[in-house]
Amino acid sequence: MAGYFLAGKTLRPIENSLEEQKRFVADASHELRTPLTALRTSMEVSLRDPRMSLAEAKKLIKSDLEEVEGLQSLSDKLLTLAHYQSNGHNLIFKEVDIAKVIEKVTRKVSPLAKEKGIDLKKEVKSQSLLANEEGLEEML
């Protein structure tokens, strides 16, 4: 009887973890399915419209591409999350100079910021901290 009780107590965290995973998969599927359904419907309706002009078609394609970019972003985030969940225990933490990381990130995003009319300013003192450099760059 005691063995049965202890086994049940041991399995409870595993069951909770599996339940959370099922919920996450269902939520992720819903988040992907909704924009895909909207894209498909939009395209199907447009294909059936014989009076659609080239300008209207281009506008539709541009809108659909924005939706695809959103889906790609969501997919990338899900993959990053999966990566951190599976490798979370294997993350390498080391002394990182935050000023150098911010400089690197700023160089990466500067073209996009300039394109959108955003002026990036940074005032950072060199400061070391223990961190996962790749994760810190992604976060910033």
C-alpha atoms as a PDB file:
ATOM      1  CA  MET A   1       0.000   0.000   0.000  1.00  0.00           C
ATOM      2  CA  ALA A   2       2.813   2.388   0.903  1.00  0.00           C
ATOM      3  CA  GLY A   3       4.576   1.577  -2.377  1.00  0.00           C
ATOM      4  CA  TYR A   4       1.432   2.404  -4.327  1.00  0.00           C
ATOM      5  CA  PHE A   5       1.092   5.720  -2.458  1.00  0.00           C
ATOM      6  CA  LEU A   6       4.747   6.658  -3.040  1.00  0.00           C
ATOM      7  CA  ALA A   7       4.565   5.712  -6.735  1.00  0.00           C
ATOM      8  CA  GLY A   8       1.509   7.926  -7.148  1.00  0.00           C
ATOM      9  CA  LYS A   9       3.272  10.777  -5.379  1.00  0.00           C
ATOM     10  CA  THR A  10       6.354  10.337  -7.596  1.00  0.00           C
ATOM     11  CA  LEU A  11       4.326  10.256 -10.809  1.00  0.00           C
ATOM     12  CA  ARG A  12       2.258  13.362 -10.004  1.00  0.00           C
ATOM     13  CA  PRO A  13       4.942  15.897 -11.152  1.00  0.00           C
ATOM     14  CA  ILE A  14       5.406  13.915 -14.363  1.00  0.00           C
ATOM     15  CA  GLU A  15       1.654  13.916 -14.993  1.00  0.00           C
ATOM     16  CA  ASN A  16       1.533  17.686 -14.349  1.00  0.00           C
ATOM     17  CA  SER A  17       4.409  18.230 -16.742  1.00  0.00           C
ATOM     18  CA  LEU A  18       2.712  16.177 -19.461  1.00  0.00           C
ATOM     19  CA  GLU A  19      -0.535  18.083 -18.925  1.00  0.00           C
ATOM     20  CA  GLU A  20       1.304  21.414 -19.274  1.00  0.00           C
ATOM     21  CA  GLN A  21       2.979  20.160 -22.434  1.00  0.00           C
ATOM     22  CA  LYS A  22      -0.377  19.106 -23.921  1.00  0.00           C
ATOM     23  CA  ARG A  23      -1.840  22.522 -23.097  1.00  0.00           C
ATOM     24  CA  PHE A  24       1.163  24.269 -24.667  1.00  0.00           C
ATOM     25  CA  VAL A  25       0.915  22.211 -27.870  1.00  0.00           C
ATOM     26  CA  ALA A  26      -2.812  22.952 -28.112  1.00  0.00           C
ATOM     27  CA  ASP A  27      -2.230  26.684 -27.585  1.00  0.00           C
ATOM     28  CA  ALA A  28       0.637  26.768 -30.097  1.00  0.00           C
ATOM     29  CA  SER A  29      -1.461  24.893 -32.647  1.00  0.00           C
ATOM     30  CA  HIS A  30      -4.281  27.381 -32.206  1.00  0.00           C
ATOM     31  CA  GLU A  31      -1.875  30.332 -32.548  1.00  0.00           C
ATOM     32  CA  LEU A  32      -0.596  28.899 -35.832  1.00  0.00           C
ATOM     33  CA  ARG A  33      -3.951  27.727 -37.196  1.00  0.00           C
ATOM     34  CA  THR A  34      -5.785  31.057 -36.809  1.00  0.00           C
ATOM     35  CA  PRO A  35      -3.533  33.157 -39.075  1.00  0.00           C
ATOM     36  CA  LEU A  36      -3.191  30.276 -41.542  1.00  0.00           C
ATOM     37  CA  THR A  37      -6.971  30.026 -41.832  1.00  0.00           C
ATOM     38  CA  ALA A  38      -7.225  33.788 -42.348  1.00  0.00           C
ATOM     39  CA  LEU A  39      -4.548  33.659 -45.064  1.00  0.00           C
ATOM     40  CA  ARG A  40      -6.206  30.764 -46.852  1.00  0.00           C
ATOM     41  CA  THR A  41      -9.653  32.343 -46.745  1.00  0.00           C
ATOM     42  CA  SER A  42      -8.349  35.668 -47.999  1.00  0.00           C
ATOM     43  CA  MET A  43      -6.546  34.047 -50.911  1.00  0.00           C
ATOM     44  CA  GLU A  44      -9.465  31.771 -51.854  1.00  0.00           C
ATOM     45  CA  VAL A  45     -11.944  34.651 -51.889  1.00  0.00           C
ATOM     46  CA  SER A  46      -9.572  36.790 -53.945  1.00  0.00           C
ATOM     47  CA  LEU A  47      -8.981  34.030 -56.488  1.00  0.00           C
ATOM     48  CA  ARG A  48     -12.730  33.777 -57.075  1.00  0.00           C
ATOM     49  CA  ASP A  49     -13.066  37.523 -57.758  1.00  0.00           C
ATOM     50  CA  PRO A  50     -12.773  38.002 -61.547  1.00  0.00           C
ATOM     51  CA  ARG A  51     -12.761  41.796 -61.184  1.00  0.00           C
ATOM     52  CA  MET A  52      -9.703  42.011 -58.933  1.00  0.00           C
ATOM     53  CA  SER A  53      -7.237  44.570 -60.249  1.00  0.00           C
ATOM     54  CA  LEU A  54      -3.470  44.253 -60.188  1.00  0.00           C
ATOM     55  CA  ALA A  55      -3.265  46.941 -57.501  1.00  0.00           C
ATOM     56  CA  GLU A  56      -5.741  45.041 -55.313  1.00  0.00           C
ATOM     57  CA  ALA A  57      -3.825  41.797 -55.852  1.00  0.00           C
ATOM     58  CA  LYS A  58      -0.568  43.478 -54.844  1.00  0.00           C
ATOM     59  CA  LYS A  59      -2.219  44.916 -51.736  1.00  0.00           C
ATOM     60  CA  LEU A  60      -3.512  41.452 -50.817  1.00  0.00           C
ATOM     61  CA  ILE A  61      -0.112  39.852 -51.367  1.00  0.00           C
ATOM     62  CA  LYS A  62       1.551  42.512 -49.215  1.00  0.00           C
ATOM     63  CA  SER A  63      -0.973  41.899 -46.437  1.00  0.00           C
ATOM     64  CA  ASP A  64      -0.511  38.136 -46.703  1.00  0.00           C
ATOM     65  CA  LEU A  65       3.266  38.517 -46.541  1.00  0.00           C
ATOM     66  CA  GLU A  66       2.880  40.447 -43.291  1.00  0.00           C
ATOM     67  CA  GLU A  67       0.837  37.552 -41.907  1.00  0.00           C
ATOM     68  CA  VAL A  68       3.516  35.095 -43.068  1.00  0.00           C
ATOM     69  CA  GLU A  69       6.176  37.180 -41.312  1.00  0.00           C
ATOM     70  CA  GLY A  70       4.109  37.038 -38.134  1.00  0.00           C
ATOM     71  CA  LEU A  71       3.828  33.256 -38.446  1.00  0.00           C
ATOM     72  CA  GLN A  72       7.546  32.974 -39.075  1.00  0.00           C
ATOM     73  CA  SER A  73       8.252  35.085 -36.003  1.00  0.00           C
ATOM     74  CA  LEU A  74       5.945  32.907 -33.903  1.00  0.00           C
ATOM     75  CA  SER A  75       7.587  29.773 -35.268  1.00  0.00           C
ATOM     76  CA  ASP A  76      11.051  31.148 -34.490  1.00  0.00           C
ATOM     77  CA  LYS A  77       9.973  31.967 -30.943  1.00  0.00           C
ATOM     78  CA  LEU A  78       8.559  28.480 -30.445  1.00  0.00           C
ATOM     79  CA  LEU A  79      11.798  26.936 -31.703  1.00  0.00           C
ATOM     80  CA  THR A  80      13.838  29.188 -29.406  1.00  0.00           C
ATOM     81  CA  LEU A  81      11.630  28.228 -26.475  1.00  0.00           C
ATOM     82  CA  ALA A  82      12.020  24.539 -27.300  1.00  0.00           C
ATOM     83  CA  HIS A  83      15.776  25.013 -27.557  1.00  0.00           C
ATOM     84  CA  TYR A  84      15.948  26.622 -24.120  1.00  0.00           C
ATOM     85  CA  GLN A  85      13.661  24.008 -22.603  1.00  0.00           C
ATOM     86  CA  SER A  86      15.716  21.132 -23.963  1.00  0.00           C
ATOM     87  CA  ASN A  87      19.117  22.707 -23.385  1.00  0.00           C
ATOM     88  CA  GLY A  88      18.304  24.850 -20.378  1.00  0.00           C
ATOM     89  CA  HIS A  89      20.506  22.765 -18.172  1.00  0.00           C
ATOM     90  CA  ASN A  90      23.368  22.961 -20.673  1.00  0.00           C
ATOM     91  CA  LEU A  91      23.491  26.752 -21.022  1.00  0.00           C
ATOM     92  CA  ILE A  92      27.009  28.090 -20.786  1.00  0.00           C
ATOM     93  CA  PHE A  93      27.373  31.028 -18.434  1.00  0.00           C
ATOM     94  CA  LYS A  94      30.538  33.076 -18.557  1.00  0.00           C
ATOM     95  CA  GLU A  95      31.811  36.562 -17.792  1.00  0.00           C
ATOM     96  CA  VAL A  96      30.302  38.857 -20.429  1.00  0.00           C
ATOM     97  CA  ASP A  97      30.937  42.566 -20.965  1.00  0.00           C
ATOM     98  CA  ILE A  98      27.461  44.051 -21.308  1.00  0.00           C
ATOM     99  CA  ALA A  99      28.781  47.072 -23.262  1.00  0.00           C
ATOM    100  CA  LYS A 100      30.227  44.790 -25.947  1.00  0.00           C
ATOM    101  CA  VAL A 101      26.998  42.778 -26.171  1.00  0.00           C
ATOM    102  CA  ILE A 102      24.928  45.959 -26.507  1.00  0.00           C
ATOM    103  CA  GLU A 103      27.309  47.267 -29.184  1.00  0.00           C
ATOM    104  CA  LYS A 104      26.975  44.016 -31.148  1.00  0.00           C
ATOM    105  CA  VAL A 105      23.177  44.039 -30.894  1.00  0.00           C
ATOM    106  CA  THR A 106      23.028  47.714 -31.867  1.00  0.00           C
ATOM    107  CA  ARG A 107      25.058  47.032 -35.024  1.00  0.00           C
ATOM    108  CA  LYS A 108      22.613  44.256 -35.950  1.00  0.00           C
ATOM    109  CA  VAL A 109      19.448  46.322 -35.519  1.00  0.00           C
ATOM    110  CA  SER A 110      20.754  49.695 -36.734  1.00  0.00           C
ATOM    111  CA  PRO A 111      19.739  49.203 -40.386  1.00  0.00           C
ATOM    112  CA  LEU A 112      16.177  48.299 -39.391  1.00  0.00           C
ATOM    113  CA  ALA A 113      15.998  51.194 -36.918  1.00  0.00           C
ATOM    114  CA  LYS A 114      17.269  53.616 -39.558  1.00  0.00           C
ATOM    115  CA  GLU A 115      14.714  52.320 -42.065  1.00  0.00           C
ATOM    116  CA  LYS A 116      11.933  52.969 -39.533  1.00  0.00           C
ATOM    117  CA  GLY A 117      13.272  56.413 -38.587  1.00  0.00           C
ATOM    118  CA  ILE A 118      14.380  55.350 -35.116  1.00  0.00           C
ATOM    119  CA  ASP A 119      17.506  56.961 -33.676  1.00  0.00           C
ATOM    120  CA  LEU A 120      19.359  54.542 -31.411  1.00  0.00           C
ATOM    121  CA  LYS A 121      21.331  56.016 -28.523  1.00  0.00           C
ATOM    122  CA  LYS A 122      23.325  54.047 -26.036  1.00  0.00           C
ATOM    123  CA  GLU A 123      25.150  55.096 -22.933  1.00  0.00           C
ATOM    124  CA  VAL A 124      26.592  51.993 -21.362  1.00  0.00           C
ATOM    125  CA  LYS A 125      29.573  51.593 -19.111  1.00  0.00           C
ATOM    126  CA  SER A 126      31.670  48.488 -19.417  1.00  0.00           C
ATOM    127  CA  GLN A 127      30.337  46.052 -16.845  1.00  0.00           C
ATOM    128  CA  SER A 128      30.991  42.340 -16.557  1.00  0.00           C
ATOM    129  CA  LEU A 129      28.307  39.915 -15.544  1.00  0.00           C
ATOM    130  CA  LEU A 130      27.827  36.183 -15.513  1.00  0.00           C
ATOM    131  CA  ALA A 131      25.448  35.341 -18.380  1.00  0.00           C
ATOM    132  CA  ASN A 132      24.709  33.212 -21.402  1.00  0.00           C
ATOM    133  CA  GLU A 133      25.952  35.562 -24.131  1.00  0.00           C
ATOM    134  CA  GLU A 134      23.802  34.181 -26.948  1.00  0.00           C
ATOM    135  CA  GLY A 135      20.638  34.344 -24.839  1.00  0.00           C
ATOM    136  CA  LEU A 136      21.470  37.860 -23.688  1.00  0.00           C
ATOM    137  CA  GLU A 137      21.930  38.993 -27.297  1.00  0.00           C
ATOM    138  CA  GLU A 138      18.595  37.465 -28.298  1.00  0.00           C
ATOM    139  CA  MET A 139      16.865  39.118 -25.389  1.00  0.00           C
ATOM    140  CA  LEU A 140      18.266  42.540 -26.215  1.00  0.00           C
END
